[in-house]
Protein backbone atom coordinates (compact mmCIF):
# COMPACT_ATOMS: atom_id res chain seq x y z
CA MET A 1 2.54 -1.53 -3.38
CA ILE A 2 -1.07 -1.19 -3.07
CA ALA A 3 -1.56 2.54 -3.42
CA GLN A 4 -4.39 2.20 -0.75
CA PRO A 5 -6.34 -0.82 1.31
CA TYR A 6 -9.84 -2.10 -0.14
CA HIS A 7 -11.83 -4.39 2.57
CA LEU A 8 -15.34 -5.25 3.09
CA TYR A 9 -17.42 -6.79 4.80
CA VAL A 10 -21.01 -6.94 3.83
CA GLU A 11 -23.95 -9.14 5.46
CA ARG A 12 -27.46 -10.76 3.88
CA VAL A 13 -30.37 -11.80 6.73
CA ALA A 14 -33.80 -12.61 6.12
CA LEU A 15 -35.32 -13.93 8.45
CA GLU A 16 -38.21 -15.44 6.65
CA LYS A 17 -36.03 -17.53 4.18
CA ASN A 18 -33.70 -18.67 7.49
CA MET A 19 -31.00 -16.43 5.25
CA ALA A 20 -27.48 -15.27 7.27
CA ARG A 21 -25.00 -14.65 5.14
CA PHE A 22 -22.08 -12.77 4.58
CA TYR A 23 -19.00 -11.73 2.32
CA THR A 24 -15.41 -10.64 2.46
CA LEU A 25 -13.28 -8.94 -0.35
CA ALA A 26 -9.90 -7.84 0.60
CA VAL A 27 -7.59 -6.29 -2.11
CA GLN A 28 -4.01 -7.38 -0.70
CA PRO A 29 -0.30 -7.86 -2.25
CA THR A 30 1.30 -11.09 -2.84
CA LEU A 31 4.77 -11.91 -1.87
CA PHE A 32 6.04 -11.75 -5.56
CA GLY A 33 4.93 -7.69 -5.95
CA GLY A 34 1.87 -8.93 -7.73
CA VAL A 35 -1.86 -8.23 -6.14
CA SER A 36 -4.44 -10.39 -4.60
CA VAL A 37 -8.21 -10.42 -4.18
CA VAL A 38 -9.61 -12.65 -1.68
CA ARG A 39 -13.07 -13.90 -1.69
CA ALA A 40 -15.09 -15.63 1.43
CA TRP A 41 -18.11 -16.37 2.24
CA GLY A 42 -20.61 -18.64 3.66
CA ARG A 43 -23.20 -18.89 6.51
CA ILE A 44 -22.67 -16.26 9.64
CA GLY A 45 -21.41 -18.49 12.04
CA THR A 46 -19.39 -20.94 9.64
CA ARG A 47 -16.03 -20.42 8.06
CA GLY A 48 -17.17 -20.26 4.70
CA GLN A 49 -15.59 -21.31 1.10
CA GLU A 50 -12.00 -18.51 -0.02
CA MET A 51 -10.78 -17.77 -3.35
CA VAL A 52 -8.04 -15.51 -3.83
CA HIS A 53 -7.45 -13.84 -7.31
CA LEU A 54 -4.17 -12.98 -8.94
CA PHE A 55 -3.35 -10.23 -10.47
CA ASP A 56 -0.33 -8.36 -12.32
CA ASN A 57 -1.35 -4.83 -11.03
CA GLU A 58 -3.26 -3.25 -8.51
CA SER A 59 -6.03 -1.71 -11.27
CA GLU A 60 -7.27 -5.05 -12.04
CA ALA A 61 -8.04 -6.45 -8.88
CA VAL A 62 -9.44 -3.47 -8.02
CA THR A 63 -11.78 -3.58 -11.07
CA LEU A 64 -13.09 -7.14 -9.76
CA PHE A 65 -12.97 -5.73 -6.31
CA LEU A 66 -15.97 -3.02 -7.22
CA ASP A 67 -17.36 -5.24 -9.66
CA VAL A 68 -18.70 -8.01 -7.21
CA LEU A 69 -19.37 -4.72 -4.52
CA ARG A 70 -21.90 -3.39 -7.03
CA GLU A 71 -23.04 -7.42 -7.04
CA LYS A 72 -23.45 -7.75 -3.83
CA ARG A 73 -25.16 -4.66 -3.42
CA ARG A 74 -27.69 -5.36 -6.40
CA ARG A 75 -28.35 -8.74 -4.66
CA GLY A 76 -29.42 -6.82 -1.00
CA TYR A 77 -26.01 -7.31 1.20
CA LYS A 78 -25.59 -4.09 3.74
CA PRO A 79 -22.27 -3.57 5.38
CA LYS A 80 -22.05 -4.37 8.99
CA ARG A 81 -22.27 -1.72 11.26
CA VAL A 82 -19.45 -1.16 13.63
CA VAL A 83 -19.75 -1.17 17.34
CA ASP A 84 -17.22 -0.20 19.58
CA ILE A 85 -16.95 -1.75 22.30
CA HIS A 86 -14.90 -0.20 25.40
CA ARG A 87 -14.15 -1.86 29.07
CA ILE A 88 -13.79 -0.02 32.11
C-alpha cells in the first residue's frame, strides 16, 4: 500500500532550439502487492515513450522517483502550471 501519491508532470521548452519536451513520473501499486514507478517522456503533443520499474517496497520506488526528479530539474524541466477552467 502506498502511503501517499507521487505524481509529477514537467516540461522543458526552448523555442530557440525547437525543443518542447514533457516528462511524467508516477509511483503506483502493482496488482501483486509491489510498487512501480511509471516514467513517460517525449515531445509535447505526442504519445512519447514509457518505461515501468518494479520494486518490492515503496522506499526504493520513492528513491528512484526523487533521483529522477532532481535530474530533470537540473536539466531545466519545470512543473506545468495547472489551469482550472470552469464552464458557465
